[in-house]
PDB file of N, CA and C in Angstrom:
ATOM      1  N   MET A   1     -61.712-187.579  24.950  1.00  0.00           N
ATOM      2  CA  MET A   1     -61.452-186.934  25.417  1.00  0.00           C
ATOM      3  C   MET A   1     -62.884-187.270  25.765  1.00  0.00           C
ATOM      4  N   LYS A   2     -63.147-186.812  27.590  1.00  0.00           N
ATOM      5  CA  LYS A   2     -64.198-187.569  28.127  1.00  0.00           C
ATOM      6  C   LYS A   2     -65.356-186.539  27.751  1.00  0.00           C
ATOM      7  N   THR A   3     -66.538-186.269  28.036  1.00  0.00           N
ATOM      8  CA  THR A   3     -67.166-184.749  27.496  1.00  0.00           C
ATOM      9  C   THR A   3     -68.246-185.208  28.817  1.00  0.00           C
ATOM     10  N   ALA A   4     -68.598-183.879  29.157  1.00  0.00           N
ATOM     11  CA  ALA A   4     -69.508-183.694  30.571  1.00  0.00           C
ATOM     12  C   ALA A   4     -70.739-182.587  30.277  1.00  0.00           C
ATOM     13  N   THR A   5     -71.655-182.437  31.229  1.00  0.00           N
ATOM     14  CA  THR A   5     -73.291-182.093  30.615  1.00  0.00           C
ATOM     15  C   THR A   5     -73.071-181.071  31.376  1.00  0.00           C
ATOM     16  N   ILE A   6     -73.774-180.302  30.698  1.00  0.00           N
ATOM     17  CA  ILE A   6     -74.047-178.714  30.783  1.00  0.00           C
ATOM     18  C   ILE A   6     -75.338-179.435  31.544  1.00  0.00           C
ATOM     19  N   PRO A   7     -75.834-178.006  33.272  1.00  0.00           N
ATOM     20  CA  PRO A   7     -77.057-178.490  34.342  1.00  0.00           C
ATOM     21  C   PRO A   7     -77.595-178.224  32.747  1.00  0.00           C
ATOM     22  N   ALA A   8     -79.520-179.185  32.879  1.00  0.00           N
ATOM     23  CA  ALA A   8     -80.366-179.111  32.468  1.00  0.00           C
ATOM     24  C   ALA A   8     -81.203-178.013  32.936  1.00  0.00           C
ATOM     25  N   LEU A   9     -81.518-177.082  31.888  1.00  0.00           N
ATOM     26  CA  LEU A   9     -81.939-175.041  31.845  1.00  0.00           C
ATOM     27  C   LEU A   9     -83.881-175.623  31.896  1.00  0.00           C
ATOM     28  N   ARG A  10     -84.077-175.162  32.556  1.00  0.00           N
ATOM     29  CA  ARG A  10     -85.721-175.000  33.025  1.00  0.00           C
ATOM     30  C   ARG A  10     -86.578-173.968  32.230  1.00  0.00           C
ATOM     31  N   VAL A  11     -86.215-173.979  30.990  1.00  0.00           N
ATOM     32  CA  VAL A  11     -87.578-172.346  30.491  1.00  0.00           C
ATOM     33  C   VAL A  11     -88.589-172.486  29.836  1.00  0.00           C
ATOM     34  N   THR A  12     -89.599-171.135  30.028  1.00  0.00           N
ATOM     35  CA  THR A  12     -91.079-171.222  29.872  1.00  0.00           C
ATOM     36  C   THR A  12     -91.274-171.503  28.373  1.00  0.00           C
ATOM     37  N   PRO A  13     -92.550-172.350  28.055  1.00  0.00           N
ATOM     38  CA  PRO A  13     -93.019-172.643  26.478  1.00  0.00           C
ATOM     39  C   PRO A  13     -92.630-171.791  25.780  1.00  0.00           C
ATOM     40  N   GLU A  14     -92.355-171.033  25.725  1.00  0.00           N
ATOM     41  CA  GLU A  14     -92.563-169.867  24.902  1.00  0.00           C
ATOM     42  C   GLU A  14     -91.043-169.774  24.530  1.00  0.00           C
ATOM     43  N   LEU A  15     -90.183-169.686  25.509  1.00  0.00           N
ATOM     44  CA  LEU A  15     -89.041-169.549  25.282  1.00  0.00           C
ATOM     45  C   LEU A  15     -87.983-171.038  23.542  1.00  0.00           C
ATOM     46  N   ARG A  16     -88.600-172.112  24.844  1.00  0.00           N
ATOM     47  CA  ARG A  16     -88.331-173.261  24.187  1.00  0.00           C
ATOM     48  C   ARG A  16     -88.865-172.898  22.593  1.00  0.00           C
ATOM     49  N   GLN A  17     -90.125-172.672  22.644  1.00  0.00           N
ATOM     50  CA  GLN A  17     -90.943-172.443  20.509  1.00  0.00           C
ATOM     51  C   GLN A  17     -89.716-171.212  20.932  1.00  0.00           C
ATOM     52  N   ALA A  18     -89.638-169.895  21.097  1.00  0.00           N
ATOM     53  CA  ALA A  18     -88.834-168.958  20.236  1.00  0.00           C
ATOM     54  C   ALA A  18     -87.430-169.710  19.993  1.00  0.00           C
ATOM     55  N   ALA A  19     -86.894-170.860  20.294  1.00  0.00           N
ATOM     56  CA  ALA A  19     -85.678-170.823  19.669  1.00  0.00           C
ATOM     57  C   ALA A  19     -85.756-172.426  18.840  1.00  0.00           C
ATOM     58  N   GLU A  20     -86.960-172.819  18.473  1.00  0.00           N
ATOM     59  CA  GLU A  20     -87.089-174.035  17.945  1.00  0.00           C
ATOM     60  C   GLU A  20     -87.335-173.433  16.551  1.00  0.00           C
ATOM     61  N   SER A  21     -87.991-172.785  16.753  1.00  0.00           N
ATOM     62  CA  SER A  21     -88.700-171.703  15.270  1.00  0.00           C
ATOM     63  C   SER A  21     -87.132-171.232  14.619  1.00  0.00           C
ATOM     64  N   VAL A  22     -86.051-170.879  15.059  1.00  0.00           N
ATOM     65  CA  VAL A  22     -85.026-170.141  14.837  1.00  0.00           C
ATOM     66  C   VAL A  22     -84.136-171.029  14.007  1.00  0.00           C
ATOM     67  N   LEU A  23     -84.098-172.491  14.475  1.00  0.00           N
ATOM     68  CA  LEU A  23     -83.073-173.468  14.111  1.00  0.00           C
ATOM     69  C   LEU A  23     -83.092-173.325  12.688  1.00  0.00           C
ATOM     70  N   GLN A  24     -82.105-173.730  11.962  1.00  0.00           N
ATOM     71  CA  GLN A  24     -81.151-174.093  11.310  1.00  0.00           C
ATOM     72  C   GLN A  24     -81.887-175.447  10.716  1.00  0.00           C
ATOM     73  N   GLU A  25     -81.827-175.500   9.325  1.00  0.00           N
ATOM     74  CA  GLU A  25     -81.898-176.745   8.788  1.00  0.00           C
ATOM     75  C   GLU A  25     -81.225-177.544   9.222  1.00  0.00           C
ATOM     76  N   GLY A  26     -81.821-178.442  10.213  1.00  0.00           N
ATOM     77  CA  GLY A  26     -80.221-180.006  10.815  1.00  0.00           C
ATOM     78  C   GLY A  26     -80.246-179.650  12.293  1.00  0.00           C
ATOM     79  N   GLU A  27     -80.183-178.451  12.267  1.00  0.00           N
ATOM     80  CA  GLU A  27     -79.534-178.223  13.398  1.00  0.00           C
ATOM     81  C   GLU A  27     -80.460-178.667  14.410  1.00  0.00           C
ATOM     82  N   THR A  28     -79.915-179.426  16.007  1.00  0.00           N
ATOM     83  CA  THR A  28     -80.467-179.514  16.427  1.00  0.00           C
ATOM     84  C   THR A  28     -81.025-178.203  18.273  1.00  0.00           C
ATOM     85  N   LEU A  29     -81.762-178.544  18.859  1.00  0.00           N
ATOM     86  CA  LEU A  29     -82.267-177.844  19.728  1.00  0.00           C
ATOM     87  C   LEU A  29     -80.846-178.099  20.905  1.00  0.00           C
ATOM     88  N   SER A  30     -80.371-178.609  21.242  1.00  0.00           N
ATOM     89  CA  SER A  30     -78.846-178.962  21.767  1.00  0.00           C
ATOM     90  C   SER A  30     -77.839-178.111  21.254  1.00  0.00           C
ATOM     91  N   SER A  31     -77.429-178.515  19.317  1.00  0.00           N
ATOM     92  CA  SER A  31     -76.501-177.641  19.094  1.00  0.00           C
ATOM     93  C   SER A  31     -76.609-175.812  19.248  1.00  0.00           C
ATOM     94  N   PHE A  32     -77.918-175.983  18.980  1.00  0.00           N
ATOM     95  CA  PHE A  32     -77.964-174.901  19.295  1.00  0.00           C
ATOM     96  C   PHE A  32     -77.656-173.632  19.981  1.00  0.00           C
ATOM     97  N   VAL A  33     -77.908-174.922  21.485  1.00  0.00           N
ATOM     98  CA  VAL A  33     -77.406-174.383  22.855  1.00  0.00           C
ATOM     99  C   VAL A  33     -76.150-173.940  23.302  1.00  0.00           C
ATOM    100  N   GLU A  34     -75.433-175.816  22.619  1.00  0.00           N
ATOM    101  CA  GLU A  34     -73.930-175.804  22.385  1.00  0.00           C
ATOM    102  C   GLU A  34     -73.374-174.249  22.131  1.00  0.00           C
ATOM    103  N   GLN A  35     -74.072-174.151  20.762  1.00  0.00           N
ATOM    104  CA  GLN A  35     -73.039-172.789  19.991  1.00  0.00           C
ATOM    105  C   GLN A  35     -73.911-172.105  20.900  1.00  0.00           C
ATOM    106  N   SER A  36     -74.398-171.371  21.213  1.00  0.00           N
ATOM    107  CA  SER A  36     -74.669-170.052  22.246  1.00  0.00           C
ATOM    108  C   SER A  36     -73.558-170.341  23.374  1.00  0.00           C
ATOM    109  N   VAL A  37     -73.695-171.217  23.871  1.00  0.00           N
ATOM    110  CA  VAL A  37     -72.994-171.385  24.976  1.00  0.00           C
ATOM    111  C   VAL A  37     -71.519-170.359  24.812  1.00  0.00           C
ATOM    112  N   ARG A  38     -71.181-171.316  23.736  1.00  0.00           N
ATOM    113  CA  ARG A  38     -69.682-171.097  23.637  1.00  0.00           C
ATOM    114  C   ARG A  38     -69.733-169.527  22.450  1.00  0.00           C
ATOM    115  N   THR A  39     -70.229-169.376  21.997  1.00  0.00           N
ATOM    116  CA  THR A  39     -70.636-167.507  21.444  1.00  0.00           C
ATOM    117  C   THR A  39     -70.589-166.821  22.813  1.00  0.00           C
ATOM    118  N   ASN A  40     -71.384-167.661  23.633  1.00  0.00           N
ATOM    119  CA  ASN A  40     -71.214-166.110  25.246  1.00  0.00           C
ATOM    120  C   ASN A  40     -70.024-166.120  26.233  1.00  0.00           C
ATOM    121  N   ILE A  41     -69.079-167.635  25.997  1.00  0.00           N
ATOM    122  CA  ILE A  41     -68.039-167.668  26.599  1.00  0.00           C
ATOM    123  C   ILE A  41     -66.929-166.379  25.933  1.00  0.00           C
ATOM    124  N   GLN A  42     -66.686-166.923  24.370  1.00  0.00           N
ATOM    125  CA  GLN A  42     -65.987-165.760  24.081  1.00  0.00           C
ATOM    126  C   GLN A  42     -66.104-164.395  24.007  1.00  0.00           C
ATOM    127  N   ARG A  43     -67.306-164.667  23.885  1.00  0.00           N
ATOM    128  CA  ARG A  43     -67.709-162.487  24.079  1.00  0.00           C
ATOM    129  C   ARG A  43     -66.640-162.440  25.101  1.00  0.00           C
ATOM    130  N   ARG A  44     -67.520-162.728  26.455  1.00  0.00           N
ATOM    131  CA  ARG A  44     -66.544-162.962  27.359  1.00  0.00           C
ATOM    132  C   ARG A  44     -65.322-162.737  27.652  1.00  0.00           C
ATOM    133  N   GLN A  45     -64.969-163.559  27.382  1.00  0.00           N
ATOM    134  CA  GLN A  45     -63.459-163.966  27.230  1.00  0.00           C
ATOM    135  C   GLN A  45     -62.898-162.371  26.397  1.00  0.00           C
ATOM    136  N   PHE A  46     -63.555-162.366  25.355  1.00  0.00           N
ATOM    137  CA  PHE A  46     -63.390-161.213  24.474  1.00  0.00           C
ATOM    138  C   PHE A  46     -63.295-159.388  25.368  1.00  0.00           C
ATOM    139  N   GLN A  47     -64.303-159.566  25.810  1.00  0.00           N
ATOM    140  CA  GLN A  47     -64.510-158.486  27.349  1.00  0.00           C
ATOM    141  C   GLN A  47     -63.369-158.231  28.569  1.00  0.00           C
ATOM    142  N   GLN A  48     -62.698-159.616  28.579  1.00  0.00           N
ATOM    143  CA  GLN A  48     -62.534-159.174  30.000  1.00  0.00           C
ATOM    144  C   GLN A  48     -60.856-159.039  29.118  1.00  0.00           C
ATOM    145  N   GLU A  49     -60.768-159.145  28.454  1.00  0.00           N
ATOM    146  CA  GLU A  49     -59.596-159.012  27.994  1.00  0.00           C
ATOM    147  C   GLU A  49     -59.720-157.469  27.373  1.00  0.00           C
ATOM    148  N   PHE A  50     -60.926-157.000  27.148  1.00  0.00           N
ATOM    149  CA  PHE A  50     -60.419-156.076  26.497  1.00  0.00           C
ATOM    150  C   PHE A  50     -60.333-154.631  28.126  1.00  0.00           C
ATOM    151  N   ILE A  51     -60.769-154.969  29.023  1.00  0.00           N
ATOM    152  CA  ILE A  51     -61.049-154.664  30.488  1.00  0.00           C
ATOM    153  C   ILE A  51     -59.313-155.150  30.455  1.00  0.00           C
ATOM    154  N   ALA A  52     -59.439-155.599  30.257  1.00  0.00           N
ATOM    155  CA  ALA A  52     -57.817-155.842  30.964  1.00  0.00           C
ATOM    156  C   ALA A  52     -56.392-155.201  30.282  1.00  0.00           C
ATOM    157  N   ARG A  53     -56.731-155.212  28.559  1.00  0.00           N
ATOM    158  CA  ARG A  53     -55.925-153.798  27.904  1.00  0.00           C
ATOM    159  C   ARG A  53     -56.546-152.780  28.494  1.00  0.00           C
ATOM    160  N   GLY A  54     -57.721-151.916  29.002  1.00  0.00           N
ATOM    161  CA  GLY A  54     -57.549-150.821  28.852  1.00  0.00           C
ATOM    162  C   GLY A  54     -56.672-150.437  30.703  1.00  0.00           C
ATOM    163  N   LEU A  55     -57.672-150.748  31.139  1.00  0.00           N
ATOM    164  CA  LEU A  55     -57.048-150.767  32.856  1.00  0.00           C
ATOM    165  C   LEU A  55     -55.347-151.273  32.385  1.00  0.00           C
ATOM    166  N   ALA A  56     -54.421-152.229  32.256  1.00  0.00           N
ATOM    167  CA  ALA A  56     -53.150-151.881  32.093  1.00  0.00           C
ATOM    168  C   ALA A  56     -52.789-150.220  30.998  1.00  0.00           C
ATOM    169  N   SER A  57     -53.157-150.007  30.174  1.00  0.00           N
ATOM    170  CA  SER A  57     -53.168-148.639  29.486  1.00  0.00           C
ATOM    171  C   SER A  57     -53.250-147.981  30.475  1.00  0.00           C
ATOM    172  N   ARG A  58     -54.403-147.818  31.307  1.00  0.00           N
ATOM    173  CA  ARG A  58     -54.853-146.386  32.627  1.00  0.00           C
ATOM    174  C   ARG A  58     -53.375-146.740  33.540  1.00  0.00           C
ATOM    175  N   ASP A  59     -52.623-147.475  33.797  1.00  0.00           N
ATOM    176  CA  ASP A  59     -51.657-147.711  34.829  1.00  0.00           C
ATOM    177  C   ASP A  59     -50.255-147.159  34.178  1.00  0.00           C
ATOM    178  N   GLU A  60     -50.425-147.314  32.891  1.00  0.00           N
ATOM    179  CA  GLU A  60     -49.406-147.246  31.993  1.00  0.00           C
ATOM    180  C   GLU A  60     -49.160-146.174  32.144  1.00  0.00           C
ATOM    181  N   ALA A  61     -50.084-145.400  31.283  1.00  0.00           N
ATOM    182  CA  ALA A  61     -50.806-143.494  31.276  1.00  0.00           C
ATOM    183  C   ALA A  61     -49.798-143.292  32.969  1.00  0.00           C
ATOM    184  N   LYS A  62     -50.485-142.977  34.095  1.00  0.00           N
ATOM    185  CA  LYS A  62     -50.252-143.408  34.804  1.00  0.00           C
ATOM    186  C   LYS A  62     -48.774-142.748  35.701  1.00  0.00           C
ATOM    187  N   ARG A  63     -48.432-143.999  35.074  1.00  0.00           N
ATOM    188  CA  ARG A  63     -46.677-144.126  35.103  1.00  0.00           C
ATOM    189  C   ARG A  63     -46.094-143.565  34.137  1.00  0.00           C
ATOM    190  N   THR A  64     -46.062-142.761  32.558  1.00  0.00           N
ATOM    191  CA  THR A  64     -45.735-142.508  32.984  1.00  0.00           C
ATOM    192  C   THR A  64     -45.896-141.134  32.215  1.00  0.00           C
ATOM    193  N   GLY A  65     -47.232-139.814  32.753  1.00  0.00           N
ATOM    194  CA  GLY A  65     -47.339-139.359  32.639  1.00  0.00           C
ATOM    195  C   GLY A  65     -47.881-138.918  31.025  1.00  0.00           C
ATOM    196  N   VAL A  66     -47.736-140.011  30.379  1.00  0.00           N
ATOM    197  CA  VAL A  66     -48.538-139.409  29.075  1.00  0.00           C
ATOM    198  C   VAL A  66     -50.032-140.113  28.750  1.00  0.00           C
ATOM    199  N   TYR A  67     -50.484-139.109  28.643  1.00  0.00           N
ATOM    200  CA  TYR A  67     -51.998-139.639  27.907  1.00  0.00           C
ATOM    201  C   TYR A  67     -51.960-138.859  26.413  1.00  0.00           C
ATOM    202  N   TYR A  68     -54.005-139.486  25.714  1.00  0.00           N
ATOM    203  CA  TYR A  68     -53.702-139.211  24.560  1.00  0.00           C
ATOM    204  C   TYR A  68     -55.267-138.884  24.345  1.00  0.00           C
ATOM    205  N   SER A  69     -55.583-137.406  24.432  1.00  0.00           N
ATOM    206  CA  SER A  69     -56.806-137.345  23.585  1.00  0.00           C
ATOM    207  C   SER A  69     -57.853-137.859  22.111  1.00  0.00           C
ATOM    208  N   SER A  70     -59.421-137.573  22.602  1.00  0.00           N
ATOM    209  CA  SER A  70     -60.133-138.852  22.493  1.00  0.00           C
ATOM    210  C   SER A  70     -60.066-138.064  20.204  1.00  0.00           C
ATOM    211  N   GLU A  71     -59.664-137.265  20.163  1.00  0.00           N
ATOM    212  CA  GLU A  71     -59.083-136.610  18.402  1.00  0.00           C
ATOM    213  C   GLU A  71     -58.070-137.308  18.038  1.00  0.00           C
ATOM    214  N   GLU A  72     -56.743-137.208  19.251  1.00  0.00           N
ATOM    215  CA  GLU A  72     -56.014-137.471  18.892  1.00  0.00           C
ATOM    216  C   GLU A  72     -55.821-139.247  18.526  1.00  0.00           C
ATOM    217  N   VAL A  73     -57.307-140.611  19.154  1.00  0.00           N
ATOM    218  CA  VAL A  73     -56.228-141.758  18.677  1.00  0.00           C
ATOM    219  C   VAL A  73     -57.461-141.458  17.361  1.00  0.00           C
ATOM    220  N   MET A  74     -58.534-140.880  17.579  1.00  0.00           N
ATOM    221  CA  MET A  74     -59.585-141.168  16.420  1.00  0.00           C
ATOM    222  C   MET A  74     -59.076-140.769  15.521  1.00  0.00           C
ATOM    223  N   ASP A  75     -58.208-140.197  15.417  1.00  0.00           N
ATOM    224  CA  ASP A  75     -56.983-139.332  14.005  1.00  0.00           C
ATOM    225  C   ASP A  75     -56.200-140.487  13.472  1.00  0.00           C
ATOM    226  N   GLU A  76     -55.412-140.678  15.033  1.00  0.00           N
ATOM    227  CA  GLU A  76     -54.545-142.417  14.378  1.00  0.00           C
ATOM    228  C   GLU A  76     -55.148-143.219  14.092  1.00  0.00           C
ATOM    229  N   LEU A  77     -56.922-143.379  14.176  1.00  0.00           N
ATOM    230  CA  LEU A  77     -57.854-144.859  13.472  1.00  0.00           C
ATOM    231  C   LEU A  77     -57.679-144.355  12.433  1.00  0.00           C
ATOM    232  N   LYS A  78     -58.440-143.037  11.820  1.00  0.00           N
ATOM    233  CA  LYS A  78     -59.049-143.111  10.418  1.00  0.00           C
ATOM    234  C   LYS A  78     -58.429-142.938  10.214  1.00  0.00           C
ATOM    235  N   ALA A  79     -56.793-142.261  10.362  1.00  0.00           N
ATOM    236  CA  ALA A  79     -55.145-142.479   9.189  1.00  0.00           C
ATOM    237  C   ALA A  79     -55.242-144.170   9.005  1.00  0.00           C
ATOM    238  N   LYS A  80     -54.655-144.728   9.082  1.00  0.00           N
ATOM    239  CA  LYS A  80     -54.750-146.024   9.621  1.00  0.00           C
ATOM    240  C   LYS A  80     -55.833-147.274   9.045  1.00  0.00           C
ATOM    241  N   LEU A  81     -56.826-146.637   8.802  1.00  0.00           N
ATOM    242  CA  LEU A  81     -58.382-147.225   7.679  1.00  0.00           C
ATOM    243  C   LEU A  81     -57.768-146.670   6.086  1.00  0.00           C
ATOM    244  N   ALA A  82     -58.451-144.991   6.379  1.00  0.00           N
ATOM    245  CA  ALA A  82     -57.638-144.259   5.010  1.00  0.00           C
ATOM    246  C   ALA A  82     -56.118-145.408   4.207  1.00  0.00           C
ATOM    247  N   ALA A  83     -55.199-145.674   5.340  1.00  0.00           N
ATOM    248  CA  ALA A  83     -53.864-145.979   4.501  1.00  0.00           C
ATOM    249  C   ALA A  83     -54.963-147.797   3.775  1.00  0.00           C
ATOM    250  N   LYS A  84     -55.273-148.810   5.318  1.00  0.00           N
ATOM    251  CA  LYS A  84     -55.849-149.735   4.150  1.00  0.00           C
ATOM    252  C   LYS A  84     -56.577-149.375   2.922  1.00  0.00           C
ATOM    253  N   ARG A  85     -57.332-148.444   3.410  1.00  0.00           N
ATOM    254  CA  ARG A  85     -58.346-148.368   2.557  1.00  0.00           C
ATOM    255  C   ARG A  85     -57.298-148.405   0.773  1.00  0.00           C
ATOM    256  N   ALA A  86     -56.391-147.468   0.947  1.00  0.00           N
ATOM    257  CA  ALA A  86     -55.607-146.922  -0.111  1.00  0.00           C
ATOM    258  C   ALA A  86     -54.721-148.297  -1.126  1.00  0.00           C
ATOM    259  N   GLY A  87     -54.132-149.141   0.297  1.00  0.00           N
ATOM    260  CA  GLY A  87     -53.979-150.555  -0.128  1.00  0.00           C
ATOM    261  C   GLY A  87     -54.605-151.397  -0.778  1.00  0.00           C
ATOM    262  N   LYS A  88     -56.037-151.386  -0.642  1.00  0.00           N
ATOM    263  CA  LYS A  88     -56.662-152.295  -1.331  1.00  0.00           C
ATOM    264  C   LYS A  88     -57.155-152.045  -2.425  1.00  0.00           C
ATOM    265  N   GLN A  89     -57.014-150.741  -2.857  1.00  0.00           N
ATOM    266  CA  GLN A  89     -57.364-150.278  -4.410  1.00  0.00           C
ATOM    267  C   GLN A  89     -56.360-150.571  -5.405  1.00  0.00           C
TER     268      GLN A  89
END
């Protein structure tokens, strides 16, 4: 696969110094920037998927007229968590 480049980014000397100060052993500034871009892409994709699921859920509730209170949802989540914890012991 042919690679591509990301546009050069002009930053303040302070930002560059801050980024360089947190590099791990053997890590380059370029690899740090690449990983940061990958992480943010993934976070935004998760965010978009979360919003899409929420909107679909809203539409389904409007369509069916079935709504759940926050207490009902929290009780169900707590029960699931308790069941998982009980299974690990």
